[in-house]
Amino acid sequence: MPIAVLASLAAAVCFAVAGVLQQWAAGGRPDEEALSPRLLGHLVREPLWLCGIGLAVVAYGFQSLALAFGPLSLVQPLIVAELVFAVPLSAWLHRMRLGGREWFGTLAVAVGLALALLSARPHGGHPESAGALSWLLILGATATLVAAALTAARLLTGPWRASATALAAGAVMGTQSVLLAATVERLRHGLGSALSAWQTYALVAASVVGLLLIQSAFQQGPLAASMTVIDATEPVVAVTVGTTVFGEAVRTGWPVSAVTVTGLALVTAGIVSLDSSPVIAALRGRRAAGPA
């Protein structure tokens, strides 16, 4: 258990620094590159962004180590601690000071997610049980949510625009987790079974689209407006699909459900607090000026 805890916290720190580096690089790109493959084309030539990607790979290594020694219900809430590291680090790099409102928003999202995941503790499930109709519903619902979020992003400005794009990114990455679970299940029957399944190739496509959406969210606004929404949306989508389609079980009843609802309410309050914060809005102007 100590190895699982330490590895999870190491993963959280690496994810936090990776997000800050990626947002710093993406934030310097012009607005017209948002949601365009040109954004990724320019970012792959940025050493700072590549360092961020490298740190993300290291973070996944620590996460895998943590999962080898501890349950997902412990590891995932600890990794959410990346927000506690990432938001203050981003503000420090931009020479901005976080106030009580910004600290409340950051801690509310992190603590709320941890409470919801620890209380619900999703487990079990059989990805292979999903039929063609179920997959169509999953992909259709994801496409609808992404389209609605990106439409809202066009109508919004400031941190809210970044959050709307981050919502689309989180939906895609949550679906990517679902596709990953299905692909891993196929791998149990051999590499040929995985390569012959459409889910494997949909996983690759979702990864590319998710990467573009994440970097676009980073490009459109401060880190606190995007990372918090991505971290909140991804597990919600994955758990929703897991329980409704894959047959995963979650803990319910009193007081478990009350704790879960309280956690989700904290997440919502934290995101609203950060997105409406004048300090977070000012970070966009600072990052547009580039590094000091």
C-alpha atoms as a PDB file:
ATOM      1  CA  MET A   1       0.000   0.000   0.000  1.00  0.00           C
ATOM      2  CA  PRO A   2       2.782   2.559   0.724  1.00  0.00           C
ATOM      3  CA  ILE A   3       4.188   1.903  -2.765  1.00  0.00           C
ATOM      4  CA  ALA A   4       0.741   2.478  -4.294  1.00  0.00           C
ATOM      5  CA  VAL A   5       0.318   5.767  -2.417  1.00  0.00           C
ATOM      6  CA  LEU A   6       3.794   7.085  -3.243  1.00  0.00           C
ATOM      7  CA  ALA A   7       3.542   6.029  -6.899  1.00  0.00           C
ATOM      8  CA  SER A   8       0.100   7.660  -7.202  1.00  0.00           C
ATOM      9  CA  LEU A   9       1.372  10.943  -5.768  1.00  0.00           C
ATOM     10  CA  ALA A  10       4.426  10.782  -8.056  1.00  0.00           C
ATOM     11  CA  ALA A  11       2.079  10.296 -10.997  1.00  0.00           C
ATOM     12  CA  ALA A  12       0.000  13.266  -9.827  1.00  0.00           C
ATOM     13  CA  VAL A  13       3.060  15.529  -9.688  1.00  0.00           C
ATOM     14  CA  CYS A  14       4.226  14.390 -13.139  1.00  0.00           C
ATOM     15  CA  PHE A  15       0.743  14.890 -14.622  1.00  0.00           C
ATOM     16  CA  ALA A  16       0.607  18.354 -13.035  1.00  0.00           C
ATOM     17  CA  VAL A  17       3.941  19.531 -14.425  1.00  0.00           C
ATOM     18  CA  ALA A  18       3.147  17.925 -17.796  1.00  0.00           C
ATOM     19  CA  GLY A  19      -0.125  19.845 -17.979  1.00  0.00           C
ATOM     20  CA  VAL A  20       1.554  23.126 -17.053  1.00  0.00           C
ATOM     21  CA  LEU A  21       4.241  22.687 -19.720  1.00  0.00           C
ATOM     22  CA  GLN A  22       1.728  21.734 -22.401  1.00  0.00           C
ATOM     23  CA  GLN A  23      -0.563  24.644 -21.524  1.00  0.00           C
ATOM     24  CA  TRP A  24       2.350  27.088 -21.525  1.00  0.00           C
ATOM     25  CA  ALA A  25       3.352  25.956 -25.020  1.00  0.00           C
ATOM     26  CA  ALA A  26      -0.201  25.739 -26.392  1.00  0.00           C
ATOM     27  CA  GLY A  27      -1.194  29.050 -24.798  1.00  0.00           C
ATOM     28  CA  GLY A  28       1.291  30.886 -26.977  1.00  0.00           C
ATOM     29  CA  ARG A  29      -0.293  29.735 -30.215  1.00  0.00           C
ATOM     30  CA  PRO A  30      -2.721  32.065 -32.089  1.00  0.00           C
ATOM     31  CA  ASP A  31      -6.467  31.654 -31.519  1.00  0.00           C
ATOM     32  CA  GLU A  32      -7.172  30.608 -35.100  1.00  0.00           C
ATOM     33  CA  GLU A  33      -5.219  27.371 -34.569  1.00  0.00           C
ATOM     34  CA  ALA A  34      -7.684  26.102 -31.962  1.00  0.00           C
ATOM     35  CA  LEU A  35      -9.304  22.765 -32.930  1.00  0.00           C
ATOM     36  CA  SER A  36      -7.064  22.632 -36.008  1.00  0.00           C
ATOM     37  CA  PRO A  37      -4.463  19.912 -36.742  1.00  0.00           C
ATOM     38  CA  ARG A  38      -2.084  22.818 -37.372  1.00  0.00           C
ATOM     39  CA  LEU A  39      -1.983  23.322 -33.610  1.00  0.00           C
ATOM     40  CA  LEU A  40      -0.487  19.870 -33.061  1.00  0.00           C
ATOM     41  CA  GLY A  41       1.748  20.342 -36.089  1.00  0.00           C
ATOM     42  CA  HIS A  42       3.330  23.409 -34.478  1.00  0.00           C
ATOM     43  CA  LEU A  43       3.409  21.991 -30.951  1.00  0.00           C
ATOM     44  CA  VAL A  44       5.414  18.899 -31.922  1.00  0.00           C
ATOM     45  CA  ARG A  45       8.241  21.276 -32.802  1.00  0.00           C
ATOM     46  CA  GLU A  46       8.115  22.914 -29.360  1.00  0.00           C
ATOM     47  CA  PRO A  47      10.699  21.410 -26.930  1.00  0.00           C
ATOM     48  CA  LEU A  48       8.658  22.551 -23.925  1.00  0.00           C
ATOM     49  CA  TRP A  49       5.542  20.772 -25.182  1.00  0.00           C
ATOM     50  CA  LEU A  50       7.513  17.610 -25.960  1.00  0.00           C
ATOM     51  CA  CYS A  51       8.876  17.670 -22.404  1.00  0.00           C
ATOM     52  CA  GLY A  52       5.286  17.829 -21.204  1.00  0.00           C
ATOM     53  CA  ILE A  53       4.349  14.804 -23.300  1.00  0.00           C
ATOM     54  CA  GLY A  54       7.409  12.944 -21.989  1.00  0.00           C
ATOM     55  CA  LEU A  55       6.421  13.692 -18.395  1.00  0.00           C
ATOM     56  CA  ALA A  56       2.904  12.451 -19.122  1.00  0.00           C
ATOM     57  CA  VAL A  57       4.401   9.132 -20.291  1.00  0.00           C
ATOM     58  CA  VAL A  58       6.421   8.940 -17.055  1.00  0.00           C
ATOM     59  CA  ALA A  59       3.224   9.690 -15.123  1.00  0.00           C
ATOM     60  CA  TYR A  60       1.436   6.779 -16.795  1.00  0.00           C
ATOM     61  CA  GLY A  61       4.359   4.573 -15.738  1.00  0.00           C
ATOM     62  CA  PHE A  62       3.927   5.636 -12.095  1.00  0.00           C
ATOM     63  CA  GLN A  63       0.168   5.102 -12.415  1.00  0.00           C
ATOM     64  CA  SER A  64       0.715   1.576 -13.715  1.00  0.00           C
ATOM     65  CA  LEU A  65       3.093   0.865 -10.811  1.00  0.00           C
ATOM     66  CA  ALA A  66       0.497   2.165  -8.361  1.00  0.00           C
ATOM     67  CA  LEU A  67      -2.223  -0.032  -9.868  1.00  0.00           C
ATOM     68  CA  ALA A  68       0.074  -3.057  -9.512  1.00  0.00           C
ATOM     69  CA  PHE A  69       0.111  -2.555  -5.725  1.00  0.00           C
ATOM     70  CA  GLY A  70      -3.216  -0.889  -4.979  1.00  0.00           C
ATOM     71  CA  PRO A  71      -6.861  -0.782  -6.122  1.00  0.00           C
ATOM     72  CA  LEU A  72      -8.194   1.712  -8.658  1.00  0.00           C
ATOM     73  CA  SER A  73     -10.475   3.170  -5.966  1.00  0.00           C
ATOM     74  CA  LEU A  74      -7.333   4.315  -4.110  1.00  0.00           C
ATOM     75  CA  VAL A  75      -5.100   5.241  -7.036  1.00  0.00           C
ATOM     76  CA  GLN A  76      -7.519   7.402  -9.056  1.00  0.00           C
ATOM     77  CA  PRO A  77      -8.515   9.767  -6.207  1.00  0.00           C
ATOM     78  CA  LEU A  78      -4.837  10.317  -5.330  1.00  0.00           C
ATOM     79  CA  ILE A  79      -3.960  11.127  -8.945  1.00  0.00           C
ATOM     80  CA  VAL A  80      -6.661  13.803  -8.904  1.00  0.00           C
ATOM     81  CA  ALA A  81      -4.278  15.602  -6.525  1.00  0.00           C
ATOM     82  CA  GLU A  82      -2.541  16.822  -9.694  1.00  0.00           C
ATOM     83  CA  LEU A  83      -4.908  19.802  -9.555  1.00  0.00           C
ATOM     84  CA  VAL A  84      -3.499  20.871  -6.194  1.00  0.00           C
ATOM     85  CA  PHE A  85      -0.036  20.982  -7.765  1.00  0.00           C
ATOM     86  CA  ALA A  86      -0.879  22.177 -11.282  1.00  0.00           C
ATOM     87  CA  VAL A  87      -3.063  25.244 -10.608  1.00  0.00           C
ATOM     88  CA  PRO A  88      -0.698  26.937  -8.092  1.00  0.00           C
ATOM     89  CA  LEU A  89       2.318  26.102 -10.289  1.00  0.00           C
ATOM     90  CA  SER A  90       0.629  27.659 -13.316  1.00  0.00           C
ATOM     91  CA  ALA A  91      -0.203  30.801 -11.334  1.00  0.00           C
ATOM     92  CA  TRP A  92       3.360  31.012  -9.995  1.00  0.00           C
ATOM     93  CA  LEU A  93       4.852  30.760 -13.482  1.00  0.00           C
ATOM     94  CA  HIS A  94       2.606  33.613 -14.604  1.00  0.00           C
ATOM     95  CA  ARG A  95       3.561  35.617 -11.491  1.00  0.00           C
ATOM     96  CA  MET A  96      -0.008  35.674 -10.210  1.00  0.00           C
ATOM     97  CA  ARG A  97      -1.127  35.094  -6.613  1.00  0.00           C
ATOM     98  CA  LEU A  98      -4.062  32.804  -5.875  1.00  0.00           C
ATOM     99  CA  GLY A  99      -6.644  34.099  -3.417  1.00  0.00           C
ATOM    100  CA  GLY A 100      -9.132  32.285  -1.227  1.00  0.00           C
ATOM    101  CA  ARG A 101     -11.619  31.891  -4.077  1.00  0.00           C
ATOM    102  CA  GLU A 102      -9.063  30.217  -6.354  1.00  0.00           C
ATOM    103  CA  TRP A 103      -7.799  27.908  -3.607  1.00  0.00           C
ATOM    104  CA  PHE A 104     -11.385  26.952  -2.756  1.00  0.00           C
ATOM    105  CA  GLY A 105     -12.124  26.130  -6.402  1.00  0.00           C
ATOM    106  CA  THR A 106      -8.991  24.026  -6.817  1.00  0.00           C
ATOM    107  CA  LEU A 107      -9.433  22.099  -3.565  1.00  0.00           C
ATOM    108  CA  ALA A 108     -13.186  21.685  -4.108  1.00  0.00           C
ATOM    109  CA  VAL A 109     -12.646  19.947  -7.460  1.00  0.00           C
ATOM    110  CA  ALA A 110      -9.847  17.725  -6.133  1.00  0.00           C
ATOM    111  CA  VAL A 111     -11.595  16.800  -2.867  1.00  0.00           C
ATOM    112  CA  GLY A 112     -14.975  16.418  -4.572  1.00  0.00           C
ATOM    113  CA  LEU A 113     -13.633  13.989  -7.167  1.00  0.00           C
ATOM    114  CA  ALA A 114     -11.793  12.010  -4.499  1.00  0.00           C
ATOM    115  CA  LEU A 115     -14.959  11.779  -2.357  1.00  0.00           C
ATOM    116  CA  ALA A 116     -17.133  10.711  -5.287  1.00  0.00           C
ATOM    117  CA  LEU A 117     -14.697   8.039  -6.493  1.00  0.00           C
ATOM    118  CA  LEU A 118     -13.910   6.689  -3.032  1.00  0.00           C
ATOM    119  CA  SER A 119     -17.573   6.453  -2.047  1.00  0.00           C
ATOM    120  CA  ALA A 120     -18.870   4.957  -5.309  1.00  0.00           C
ATOM    121  CA  ARG A 121     -15.907   2.585  -5.844  1.00  0.00           C
ATOM    122  CA  PRO A 122     -16.881   1.244  -9.283  1.00  0.00           C
ATOM    123  CA  HIS A 123     -15.749  -2.359  -9.773  1.00  0.00           C
ATOM    124  CA  GLY A 124     -16.350  -5.485 -11.830  1.00  0.00           C
ATOM    125  CA  GLY A 125     -17.946  -5.336 -15.249  1.00  0.00           C
ATOM    126  CA  HIS A 126     -17.603  -7.181 -18.546  1.00  0.00           C
ATOM    127  CA  PRO A 127     -16.654  -5.000 -21.557  1.00  0.00           C
ATOM    128  CA  GLU A 128     -17.247  -7.895 -23.943  1.00  0.00           C
ATOM    129  CA  SER A 129     -20.942  -7.899 -23.013  1.00  0.00           C
ATOM    130  CA  ALA A 130     -21.593  -4.664 -24.940  1.00  0.00           C
ATOM    131  CA  GLY A 131     -23.398  -5.282 -28.229  1.00  0.00           C
ATOM    132  CA  ALA A 132     -23.437  -3.262 -31.442  1.00  0.00           C
ATOM    133  CA  LEU A 133     -26.464  -1.210 -30.344  1.00  0.00           C
ATOM    134  CA  SER A 134     -24.803  -0.327 -27.037  1.00  0.00           C
ATOM    135  CA  TRP A 135     -21.657   0.838 -28.821  1.00  0.00           C
ATOM    136  CA  LEU A 136     -23.720   2.941 -31.214  1.00  0.00           C
ATOM    137  CA  LEU A 137     -25.433   4.595 -28.253  1.00  0.00           C
ATOM    138  CA  ILE A 138     -22.074   5.238 -26.535  1.00  0.00           C
ATOM    139  CA  LEU A 139     -20.480   6.780 -29.615  1.00  0.00           C
ATOM    140  CA  GLY A 140     -23.642   8.697 -30.515  1.00  0.00           C
ATOM    141  CA  ALA A 141     -23.982  10.171 -27.023  1.00  0.00           C
ATOM    142  CA  THR A 142     -20.303  11.120 -27.001  1.00  0.00           C
ATOM    143  CA  ALA A 143     -20.557  12.795 -30.416  1.00  0.00           C
ATOM    144  CA  THR A 144     -23.665  14.712 -29.302  1.00  0.00           C
ATOM    145  CA  LEU A 145     -21.998  15.928 -26.099  1.00  0.00           C
ATOM    146  CA  VAL A 146     -18.823  16.933 -27.960  1.00  0.00           C
ATOM    147  CA  ALA A 147     -20.796  18.807 -30.624  1.00  0.00           C
ATOM    148  CA  ALA A 148     -22.855  20.641 -27.975  1.00  0.00           C
ATOM    149  CA  ALA A 149     -19.745  21.560 -25.967  1.00  0.00           C
ATOM    150  CA  LEU A 150     -17.871  22.855 -29.009  1.00  0.00           C
ATOM    151  CA  THR A 151     -20.927  24.846 -30.110  1.00  0.00           C
ATOM    152  CA  ALA A 152     -21.081  26.413 -26.653  1.00  0.00           C
ATOM    153  CA  ALA A 153     -17.347  27.157 -26.844  1.00  0.00           C
ATOM    154  CA  ARG A 154     -17.931  29.260 -29.956  1.00  0.00           C
ATOM    155  CA  LEU A 155     -20.452  31.393 -28.068  1.00  0.00           C
ATOM    156  CA  LEU A 156     -18.403  31.823 -24.895  1.00  0.00           C
ATOM    157  CA  THR A 157     -15.294  33.820 -24.077  1.00  0.00           C
ATOM    158  CA  GLY A 158     -12.497  33.710 -21.522  1.00  0.00           C
ATOM    159  CA  PRO A 159     -12.176  30.775 -19.092  1.00  0.00           C
ATOM    160  CA  TRP A 160     -15.705  29.560 -19.920  1.00  0.00           C
ATOM    161  CA  ARG A 161     -14.672  28.956 -23.528  1.00  0.00           C
ATOM    162  CA  ALA A 162     -11.698  26.872 -22.416  1.00  0.00           C
ATOM    163  CA  SER A 163     -13.948  24.920 -20.033  1.00  0.00           C
ATOM    164  CA  ALA A 164     -16.458  24.157 -22.796  1.00  0.00           C
ATOM    165  CA  THR A 165     -13.696  22.792 -25.026  1.00  0.00           C
ATOM    166  CA  ALA A 166     -12.319  20.875 -22.036  1.00  0.00           C
ATOM    167  CA  LEU A 167     -15.768  19.316 -21.559  1.00  0.00           C
ATOM    168  CA  ALA A 168     -15.562  17.985 -25.113  1.00  0.00           C
ATOM    169  CA  ALA A 169     -12.026  16.743 -24.444  1.00  0.00           C
ATOM    170  CA  GLY A 170     -13.085  15.027 -21.227  1.00  0.00           C
ATOM    171  CA  ALA A 171     -15.973  13.288 -22.986  1.00  0.00           C
ATOM    172  CA  VAL A 172     -13.656  11.954 -25.689  1.00  0.00           C
ATOM    173  CA  MET A 173     -11.024  10.847 -23.162  1.00  0.00           C
ATOM    174  CA  GLY A 174     -13.679   9.162 -21.036  1.00  0.00           C
ATOM    175  CA  THR A 175     -14.839   7.254 -24.111  1.00  0.00           C
ATOM    176  CA  GLN A 176     -11.198   6.466 -24.851  1.00  0.00           C
ATOM    177  CA  SER A 177     -10.978   4.792 -21.430  1.00  0.00           C
ATOM    178  CA  VAL A 178     -14.036   2.726 -22.326  1.00  0.00           C
ATOM    179  CA  LEU A 179     -12.474   1.705 -25.648  1.00  0.00           C
ATOM    180  CA  LEU A 180      -9.227   0.881 -23.842  1.00  0.00           C
ATOM    181  CA  ALA A 181     -11.087  -1.446 -21.490  1.00  0.00           C
ATOM    182  CA  ALA A 182     -12.660  -3.224 -24.473  1.00  0.00           C
ATOM    183  CA  THR A 183      -9.286  -3.487 -26.228  1.00  0.00           C
ATOM    184  CA  VAL A 184      -7.574  -4.905 -23.137  1.00  0.00           C
ATOM    185  CA  GLU A 185     -10.363  -7.481 -22.860  1.00  0.00           C
ATOM    186  CA  ARG A 186      -9.716  -8.466 -26.494  1.00  0.00           C
ATOM    187  CA  LEU A 187      -5.990  -8.801 -25.784  1.00  0.00           C
ATOM    188  CA  ARG A 188      -6.802 -11.503 -23.249  1.00  0.00           C
ATOM    189  CA  HIS A 189      -7.769 -13.650 -26.248  1.00  0.00           C
ATOM    190  CA  GLY A 190      -4.602 -12.849 -28.186  1.00  0.00           C
ATOM    191  CA  LEU A 191      -3.125 -10.060 -30.289  1.00  0.00           C
ATOM    192  CA  GLY A 192      -5.006 -11.202 -33.392  1.00  0.00           C
ATOM    193  CA  SER A 193      -8.327 -10.780 -31.617  1.00  0.00           C
ATOM    194  CA  ALA A 194      -7.427  -7.206 -30.665  1.00  0.00           C
ATOM    195  CA  LEU A 195      -6.188  -6.295 -34.148  1.00  0.00           C
ATOM    196  CA  SER A 196      -9.367  -7.623 -35.747  1.00  0.00           C
ATOM    197  CA  ALA A 197     -11.639  -5.543 -33.486  1.00  0.00           C
ATOM    198  CA  TRP A 198     -12.839  -2.103 -34.554  1.00  0.00           C
ATOM    199  CA  GLN A 199     -12.528  -0.864 -30.966  1.00  0.00           C
ATOM    200  CA  THR A 200      -8.732  -0.959 -31.239  1.00  0.00           C
ATOM    201  CA  TYR A 201      -8.703   1.469 -34.156  1.00  0.00           C
ATOM    202  CA  ALA A 202     -11.417   3.614 -32.599  1.00  0.00           C
ATOM    203  CA  LEU A 203      -9.146   3.828 -29.535  1.00  0.00           C
ATOM    204  CA  VAL A 204      -6.334   5.262 -31.664  1.00  0.00           C
ATOM    205  CA  ALA A 205      -8.705   7.767 -33.312  1.00  0.00           C
ATOM    206  CA  ALA A 206     -10.135   8.829 -29.939  1.00  0.00           C
ATOM    207  CA  SER A 207      -6.611   9.337 -28.590  1.00  0.00           C
ATOM    208  CA  VAL A 208      -5.696  11.667 -31.460  1.00  0.00           C
ATOM    209  CA  VAL A 209      -8.968  13.628 -31.286  1.00  0.00           C
ATOM    210  CA  GLY A 210      -8.707  13.833 -27.495  1.00  0.00           C
ATOM    211  CA  LEU A 211      -5.145  15.146 -27.712  1.00  0.00           C
ATOM    212  CA  LEU A 212      -6.228  17.875 -30.164  1.00  0.00           C
ATOM    213  CA  LEU A 213      -9.158  18.895 -27.958  1.00  0.00           C
ATOM    214  CA  ILE A 214      -7.029  18.985 -24.809  1.00  0.00           C
ATOM    215  CA  GLN A 215      -4.365  21.157 -26.432  1.00  0.00           C
ATOM    216  CA  SER A 216      -7.085  23.418 -27.864  1.00  0.00           C
ATOM    217  CA  ALA A 217      -8.547  23.841 -24.371  1.00  0.00           C
ATOM    218  CA  PHE A 218      -5.064  24.662 -23.071  1.00  0.00           C
ATOM    219  CA  GLN A 219      -4.641  27.143 -25.931  1.00  0.00           C
ATOM    220  CA  GLN A 220      -7.956  28.909 -25.258  1.00  0.00           C
ATOM    221  CA  GLY A 221      -7.558  29.708 -21.592  1.00  0.00           C
ATOM    222  CA  PRO A 222      -5.760  29.225 -18.266  1.00  0.00           C
ATOM    223  CA  LEU A 223      -4.968  25.771 -16.936  1.00  0.00           C
ATOM    224  CA  ALA A 224      -7.432  26.022 -14.035  1.00  0.00           C
ATOM    225  CA  ALA A 225     -10.317  26.433 -16.489  1.00  0.00           C
ATOM    226  CA  SER A 226      -9.443  23.361 -18.547  1.00  0.00           C
ATOM    227  CA  MET A 227      -7.685  20.741 -16.420  1.00  0.00           C
ATOM    228  CA  THR A 228     -10.386  20.828 -13.725  1.00  0.00           C
ATOM    229  CA  VAL A 229     -13.151  20.119 -16.255  1.00  0.00           C
ATOM    230  CA  ILE A 230     -11.176  17.371 -18.019  1.00  0.00           C
ATOM    231  CA  ASP A 231     -10.369  15.661 -14.708  1.00  0.00           C
ATOM    232  CA  ALA A 232     -14.039  15.844 -13.705  1.00  0.00           C
ATOM    233  CA  THR A 233     -15.603  14.766 -17.011  1.00  0.00           C
ATOM    234  CA  GLU A 234     -13.363  11.835 -17.885  1.00  0.00           C
ATOM    235  CA  PRO A 235     -14.148   9.615 -14.856  1.00  0.00           C
ATOM    236  CA  VAL A 236     -17.855  10.547 -14.930  1.00  0.00           C
ATOM    237  CA  VAL A 237     -18.149   9.390 -18.566  1.00  0.00           C
ATOM    238  CA  ALA A 238     -16.134   6.227 -17.925  1.00  0.00           C
ATOM    239  CA  VAL A 239     -18.089   5.276 -14.786  1.00  0.00           C
ATOM    240  CA  THR A 240     -21.439   6.048 -16.448  1.00  0.00           C
ATOM    241  CA  VAL A 241     -20.672   3.777 -19.412  1.00  0.00           C
ATOM    242  CA  GLY A 242     -19.175   1.140 -17.142  1.00  0.00           C
ATOM    243  CA  THR A 243     -22.269   0.924 -14.943  1.00  0.00           C
ATOM    244  CA  THR A 244     -24.922   1.221 -17.653  1.00  0.00           C
ATOM    245  CA  VAL A 245     -23.308  -0.872 -20.409  1.00  0.00           C
ATOM    246  CA  PHE A 246     -20.491  -3.012 -18.977  1.00  0.00           C
ATOM    247  CA  GLY A 247     -22.388  -4.040 -15.855  1.00  0.00           C
ATOM    248  CA  GLU A 248     -19.951  -2.501 -13.380  1.00  0.00           C
ATOM    249  CA  ALA A 249     -21.209  -2.107  -9.819  1.00  0.00           C
ATOM    250  CA  VAL A 250     -21.021   0.983  -7.613  1.00  0.00           C
ATOM    251  CA  ARG A 251     -21.716   1.328  -3.920  1.00  0.00           C
ATOM    252  CA  THR A 252     -25.092   2.892  -3.158  1.00  0.00           C
ATOM    253  CA  GLY A 253     -27.342   3.496  -0.185  1.00  0.00           C
ATOM    254  CA  TRP A 254     -27.073   5.802   2.809  1.00  0.00           C
ATOM    255  CA  PRO A 255     -24.641   7.437   3.500  1.00  0.00           C
ATOM    256  CA  VAL A 256     -22.600   6.376   0.453  1.00  0.00           C
ATOM    257  CA  SER A 257     -24.858   8.030  -2.135  1.00  0.00           C
ATOM    258  CA  ALA A 258     -24.996  11.221  -0.069  1.00  0.00           C
ATOM    259  CA  VAL A 259     -21.185  11.386  -0.021  1.00  0.00           C
ATOM    260  CA  THR A 260     -21.053  10.803  -3.790  1.00  0.00           C
ATOM    261  CA  VAL A 261     -23.589  13.559  -4.462  1.00  0.00           C
ATOM    262  CA  THR A 262     -21.725  15.892  -2.105  1.00  0.00           C
ATOM    263  CA  GLY A 263     -18.496  15.179  -3.970  1.00  0.00           C
ATOM    264  CA  LEU A 264     -20.059  15.950  -7.342  1.00  0.00           C
ATOM    265  CA  ALA A 265     -21.596  19.130  -5.939  1.00  0.00           C
ATOM    266  CA  LEU A 266     -18.147  20.216  -4.713  1.00  0.00           C
ATOM    267  CA  VAL A 267     -16.711  19.578  -8.179  1.00  0.00           C
ATOM    268  CA  THR A 268     -19.394  21.737  -9.791  1.00  0.00           C
ATOM    269  CA  ALA A 269     -18.949  24.531  -7.248  1.00  0.00           C
ATOM    270  CA  GLY A 270     -15.185  24.444  -7.711  1.00  0.00           C
ATOM    271  CA  ILE A 271     -15.370  24.708 -11.494  1.00  0.00           C
ATOM    272  CA  VAL A 272     -17.850  27.607 -11.332  1.00  0.00           C
ATOM    273  CA  SER A 273     -15.684  29.354  -8.734  1.00  0.00           C
ATOM    274  CA  LEU A 274     -12.557  29.058 -10.894  1.00  0.00           C
ATOM    275  CA  ASP A 275     -14.222  30.002 -14.174  1.00  0.00           C
ATOM    276  CA  SER A 276     -15.786  33.129 -12.677  1.00  0.00           C
ATOM    277  CA  SER A 277     -12.597  34.179 -10.869  1.00  0.00           C
ATOM    278  CA  PRO A 278     -11.038  37.464 -12.075  1.00  0.00           C
ATOM    279  CA  VAL A 279      -7.593  36.099 -11.154  1.00  0.00           C
ATOM    280  CA  ILE A 280      -8.048  33.065 -13.411  1.00  0.00           C
ATOM    281  CA  ALA A 281      -9.399  35.307 -16.195  1.00  0.00           C
ATOM    282  CA  ALA A 282      -6.316  37.515 -15.854  1.00  0.00           C
ATOM    283  CA  LEU A 283      -4.063  34.496 -16.405  1.00  0.00           C
ATOM    284  CA  ARG A 284      -5.139  34.426 -20.047  1.00  0.00           C
ATOM    285  CA  GLY A 285      -3.733  37.906 -20.593  1.00  0.00           C
ATOM    286  CA  ARG A 286      -0.521  36.969 -18.820  1.00  0.00           C
ATOM    287  CA  ARG A 287       0.049  33.790 -20.833  1.00  0.00           C
ATOM    288  CA  ALA A 288      -0.593  35.652 -24.102  1.00  0.00           C
ATOM    289  CA  ALA A 289       2.379  37.867 -23.278  1.00  0.00           C
ATOM    290  CA  GLY A 290       4.611  34.797 -23.154  1.00  0.00           C
ATOM    291  CA  PRO A 291       7.338  33.812 -20.657  1.00  0.00           C
ATOM    292  CA  ALA A 292       9.108  36.604 -18.802  1.00  0.00           C
END
